[in-house]
Structures are given as C-alpha cells and as structure tokens.
Amino acid sequence: MLSAVFVTTLSNGMDLLQVSGYVQQNILGCVIVAAIFVDRVRLTRT
C-alpha cells in the first residue's frame, strides 16, 4: 500500500514539473527495479 502511494506521489510530482510521459515511465521503472534490488540485497545479508 505504501509503495502505491509513493509511486503515485512521484508521478504527480513529475506531472507538476511537466516531465514528459516517456521520461516518467523510465524514472518509475528505474525506481521499481532499484527497490527490488535493494530488497533482494537486504534479504541475502540477513
């Protein structure tokens, strides 16, 4: 639930900054991939 709020907030912020839709998709994709990577690294260290 919290991640959906974060993605929506990030998307709305980029809309307000008039970032193009193509760039928004790329940024959101990178954020999601980075979150998955951090989660996997965190799980393997414990």
PDB file of N, CA and C in Angstrom:
ATOM      1  N   MET A   1       0.829  -1.190   0.000  1.00  0.00           N
ATOM      2  CA  MET A   1       0.000   0.000   0.000  1.00  0.00           C
ATOM      3  C   MET A   1       0.876   1.257   0.000  1.00  0.00           C
ATOM      4  N   LEU A   2       1.897   1.245   0.832  1.00  0.00           N
ATOM      5  CA  LEU A   2       2.779   2.405   0.922  1.00  0.00           C
ATOM      6  C   LEU A   2       3.515   2.644  -0.396  1.00  0.00           C
ATOM      7  N   SER A   3       3.870   1.564  -1.076  1.00  0.00           N
ATOM      8  CA  SER A   3       4.589   1.737  -2.346  1.00  0.00           C
ATOM      9  C   SER A   3       3.688   2.365  -3.413  1.00  0.00           C
ATOM     10  N   ALA A   4       2.404   2.034  -3.395  1.00  0.00           N
ATOM     11  CA  ALA A   4       1.482   2.635  -4.354  1.00  0.00           C
ATOM     12  C   ALA A   4       1.343   4.131  -4.113  1.00  0.00           C
ATOM     13  N   VAL A   5       1.312   4.530  -2.860  1.00  0.00           N
ATOM     14  CA  VAL A   5       1.243   5.956  -2.522  1.00  0.00           C
ATOM     15  C   VAL A   5       2.520   6.664  -2.975  1.00  0.00           C
ATOM     16  N   PHE A   6       3.669   6.017  -2.776  1.00  0.00           N
ATOM     17  CA  PHE A   6       4.946   6.607  -3.177  1.00  0.00           C
ATOM     18  C   PHE A   6       5.014   6.789  -4.691  1.00  0.00           C
ATOM     19  N   VAL A   7       4.612   5.765  -5.445  1.00  0.00           N
ATOM     20  CA  VAL A   7       4.654   5.847  -6.907  1.00  0.00           C
ATOM     21  C   VAL A   7       3.694   6.917  -7.410  1.00  0.00           C
ATOM     22  N   THR A   8       2.513   6.985  -6.816  1.00  0.00           N
ATOM     23  CA  THR A   8       1.533   7.998  -7.222  1.00  0.00           C
ATOM     24  C   THR A   8       2.038   9.405  -6.922  1.00  0.00           C
ATOM     25  N   THR A   9       2.630   9.585  -5.750  1.00  0.00           N
ATOM     26  CA  THR A   9       3.180  10.889  -5.378  1.00  0.00           C
ATOM     27  C   THR A   9       4.312  11.290  -6.311  1.00  0.00           C
ATOM     28  N   LEU A  10       5.175  10.341  -6.627  1.00  0.00           N
ATOM     29  CA  LEU A  10       6.280  10.614  -7.545  1.00  0.00           C
ATOM     30  C   LEU A  10       5.756  10.982  -8.932  1.00  0.00           C
ATOM     31  N   SER A  11       4.757  10.260  -9.387  1.00  0.00           N
ATOM     32  CA  SER A  11       4.170  10.538 -10.696  1.00  0.00           C
ATOM     33  C   SER A  11       3.497  11.907 -10.731  1.00  0.00           C
ATOM     34  N   ASN A  12       2.749  12.233  -9.684  1.00  0.00           N
ATOM     35  CA  ASN A  12       2.096  13.547  -9.629  1.00  0.00           C
ATOM     36  C   ASN A  12       3.121  14.677  -9.569  1.00  0.00           C
ATOM     37  N   GLY A  13       4.189  14.475  -8.835  1.00  0.00           N
ATOM     38  CA  GLY A  13       5.242  15.486  -8.763  1.00  0.00           C
ATOM     39  C   GLY A  13       5.887  15.728 -10.117  1.00  0.00           C
ATOM     40  N   MET A  14       6.114  14.637 -10.856  1.00  0.00           N
ATOM     41  CA  MET A  14       6.707  14.800 -12.183  1.00  0.00           C
ATOM     42  C   MET A  14       5.718  15.470 -13.140  1.00  0.00           C
ATOM     43  N   ASP A  15       4.430  15.209 -12.956  1.00  0.00           N
ATOM     44  CA  ASP A  15       3.422  15.909 -13.767  1.00  0.00           C
ATOM     45  C   ASP A  15       3.466  17.410 -13.501  1.00  0.00           C
ATOM     46  N   LEU A  16       3.586  17.770 -12.234  1.00  0.00           N
ATOM     47  CA  LEU A  16       3.648  19.195 -11.879  1.00  0.00           C
ATOM     48  C   LEU A  16       4.904  19.864 -12.438  1.00  0.00           C
ATOM     49  N   LEU A  17       5.981  19.086 -12.533  1.00  0.00           N
ATOM     50  CA  LEU A  17       7.222  19.620 -13.099  1.00  0.00           C
ATOM     51  C   LEU A  17       7.248  19.537 -14.624  1.00  0.00           C
ATOM     52  N   GLN A  18       6.154  19.063 -15.205  1.00  0.00           N
ATOM     53  CA  GLN A  18       5.985  18.949 -16.653  1.00  0.00           C
ATOM     54  C   GLN A  18       7.049  18.056 -17.300  1.00  0.00           C
ATOM     55  N   VAL A  19       7.309  16.928 -16.636  1.00  0.00           N
ATOM     56  CA  VAL A  19       8.221  15.934 -17.192  1.00  0.00           C
ATOM     57  C   VAL A  19       7.426  15.113 -18.209  1.00  0.00           C
ATOM     58  N   SER A  20       8.027  14.816 -19.343  1.00  0.00           N
ATOM     59  CA  SER A  20       7.304  14.083 -20.396  1.00  0.00           C
ATOM     60  C   SER A  20       6.950  12.669 -19.924  1.00  0.00           C
ATOM     61  N   GLY A  21       5.916  12.116 -20.521  1.00  0.00           N
ATOM     62  CA  GLY A  21       5.434  10.800 -20.142  1.00  0.00           C
ATOM     63  C   GLY A  21       6.466   9.712 -20.341  1.00  0.00           C
ATOM     64  N   TYR A  22       7.255   9.818 -21.401  1.00  0.00           N
ATOM     65  CA  TYR A  22       8.290   8.828 -21.673  1.00  0.00           C
ATOM     66  C   TYR A  22       9.335   8.816 -20.557  1.00  0.00           C
ATOM     67  N   VAL A  23       9.767   9.985 -20.143  1.00  0.00           N
ATOM     68  CA  VAL A  23      10.765  10.093 -19.086  1.00  0.00           C
ATOM     69  C   VAL A  23      10.177   9.615 -17.756  1.00  0.00           C
ATOM     70  N   GLN A  24       8.916   9.923 -17.505  1.00  0.00           N
ATOM     71  CA  GLN A  24       8.258   9.471 -16.279  1.00  0.00           C
ATOM     72  C   GLN A  24       8.252   7.958 -16.193  1.00  0.00           C
ATOM     73  N   GLN A  25       7.923   7.287 -17.285  1.00  0.00           N
ATOM     74  CA  GLN A  25       7.911   5.826 -17.283  1.00  0.00           C
ATOM     75  C   GLN A  25       9.298   5.265 -17.017  1.00  0.00           C
ATOM     76  N   ASN A  26      10.312   5.882 -17.603  1.00  0.00           N
ATOM     77  CA  ASN A  26      11.683   5.426 -17.377  1.00  0.00           C
ATOM     78  C   ASN A  26      12.100   5.612 -15.919  1.00  0.00           C
ATOM     79  N   ILE A  27      11.781   6.754 -15.350  1.00  0.00           N
ATOM     80  CA  ILE A  27      12.149   7.019 -13.964  1.00  0.00           C
ATOM     81  C   ILE A  27      11.422   6.067 -13.018  1.00  0.00           C
ATOM     82  N   LEU A  28      10.128   5.879 -13.223  1.00  0.00           N
ATOM     83  CA  LEU A  28       9.364   4.967 -12.365  1.00  0.00           C
ATOM     84  C   LEU A  28       9.871   3.534 -12.504  1.00  0.00           C
ATOM     85  N   GLY A  29      10.218   3.131 -13.708  1.00  0.00           N
ATOM     86  CA  GLY A  29      10.782   1.796 -13.911  1.00  0.00           C
ATOM     87  C   GLY A  29      12.085   1.616 -13.172  1.00  0.00           C
ATOM     88  N   CYS A  30      12.944   2.621 -13.234  1.00  0.00           N
ATOM     89  CA  CYS A  30      14.224   2.555 -12.518  1.00  0.00           C
ATOM     90  C   CYS A  30      14.022   2.518 -11.010  1.00  0.00           C
ATOM     91  N   VAL A  31      13.062   3.275 -10.514  1.00  0.00           N
ATOM     92  CA  VAL A  31      12.774   3.276  -9.077  1.00  0.00           C
ATOM     93  C   VAL A  31      12.292   1.900  -8.628  1.00  0.00           C
ATOM     94  N   ILE A  32      11.428   1.283  -9.418  1.00  0.00           N
ATOM     95  CA  ILE A  32      10.911  -0.041  -9.067  1.00  0.00           C
ATOM     96  C   ILE A  32      12.021  -1.087  -9.103  1.00  0.00           C
ATOM     97  N   VAL A  33      12.848  -1.065 -10.134  1.00  0.00           N
ATOM     98  CA  VAL A  33      13.956  -2.012 -10.237  1.00  0.00           C
ATOM     99  C   VAL A  33      14.936  -1.813  -9.082  1.00  0.00           C
ATOM    100  N   ALA A  34      15.220  -0.561  -8.733  1.00  0.00           N
ATOM    101  CA  ALA A  34      16.127  -0.288  -7.614  1.00  0.00           C
ATOM    102  C   ALA A  34      15.539  -0.785  -6.299  1.00  0.00           C
ATOM    103  N   ALA A  35      14.234  -0.633  -6.104  1.00  0.00           N
ATOM    104  CA  ALA A  35      13.596  -1.114  -4.881  1.00  0.00           C
ATOM    105  C   ALA A  35      13.683  -2.632  -4.781  1.00  0.00           C
ATOM    106  N   ILE A  36      13.481  -3.323  -5.885  1.00  0.00           N
ATOM    107  CA  ILE A  36      13.587  -4.786  -5.882  1.00  0.00           C
ATOM    108  C   ILE A  36      15.019  -5.204  -5.598  1.00  0.00           C
ATOM    109  N   PHE A  37      15.986  -4.521  -6.197  1.00  0.00           N
ATOM    110  CA  PHE A  37      17.394  -4.836  -5.971  1.00  0.00           C
ATOM    111  C   PHE A  37      17.775  -4.647  -4.505  1.00  0.00           C
ATOM    112  N   VAL A  38      17.369  -3.534  -3.912  1.00  0.00           N
ATOM    113  CA  VAL A  38      17.684  -3.260  -2.506  1.00  0.00           C
ATOM    114  C   VAL A  38      17.033  -4.300  -1.607  1.00  0.00           C
ATOM    115  N   ASP A  39      15.812  -4.687  -1.915  1.00  0.00           N
ATOM    116  CA  ASP A  39      15.117  -5.697  -1.123  1.00  0.00           C
ATOM    117  C   ASP A  39      15.841  -7.037  -1.190  1.00  0.00           C
ATOM    118  N   ARG A  40      16.276  -7.438  -2.372  1.00  0.00           N
ATOM    119  CA  ARG A  40      16.995  -8.708  -2.520  1.00  0.00           C
ATOM    120  C   ARG A  40      18.339  -8.684  -1.801  1.00  0.00           C
ATOM    121  N   VAL A  41      19.054  -7.587  -1.891  1.00  0.00           N
ATOM    122  CA  VAL A  41      20.334  -7.479  -1.196  1.00  0.00           C
ATOM    123  C   VAL A  41      20.122  -7.532   0.310  1.00  0.00           C
ATOM    124  N   ARG A  42      19.090  -6.862   0.780  1.00  0.00           N
ATOM    125  CA  ARG A  42      18.788  -6.861   2.212  1.00  0.00           C
ATOM    126  C   ARG A  42      18.435  -8.265   2.699  1.00  0.00           C
ATOM    127  N   LEU A  43      17.679  -9.019   1.913  1.00  0.00           N
ATOM    128  CA  LEU A  43      17.282 -10.371   2.311  1.00  0.00           C
ATOM    129  C   LEU A  43      18.454 -11.337   2.311  1.00  0.00           C
ATOM    130  N   THR A  44      19.411 -11.171   1.403  1.00  0.00           N
ATOM    131  CA  THR A  44      20.530 -12.094   1.355  1.00  0.00           C
ATOM    132  C   THR A  44      21.546 -11.820   2.459  1.00  0.00           C
ATOM    133  N   ARG A  45      21.568 -10.634   3.013  1.00  0.00           N
ATOM    134  CA  ARG A  45      22.518 -10.313   4.085  1.00  0.00           C
ATOM    135  C   ARG A  45      22.047 -10.731   5.459  1.00  0.00           C
ATOM    136  N   THR A  46      20.784 -11.072   5.597  1.00  0.00           N
ATOM    137  CA  THR A  46      20.276 -11.462   6.924  1.00  0.00           C
ATOM    138  C   THR A  46      20.168 -12.954   7.060  1.00  0.00           C
TER     139      THR A  46
END
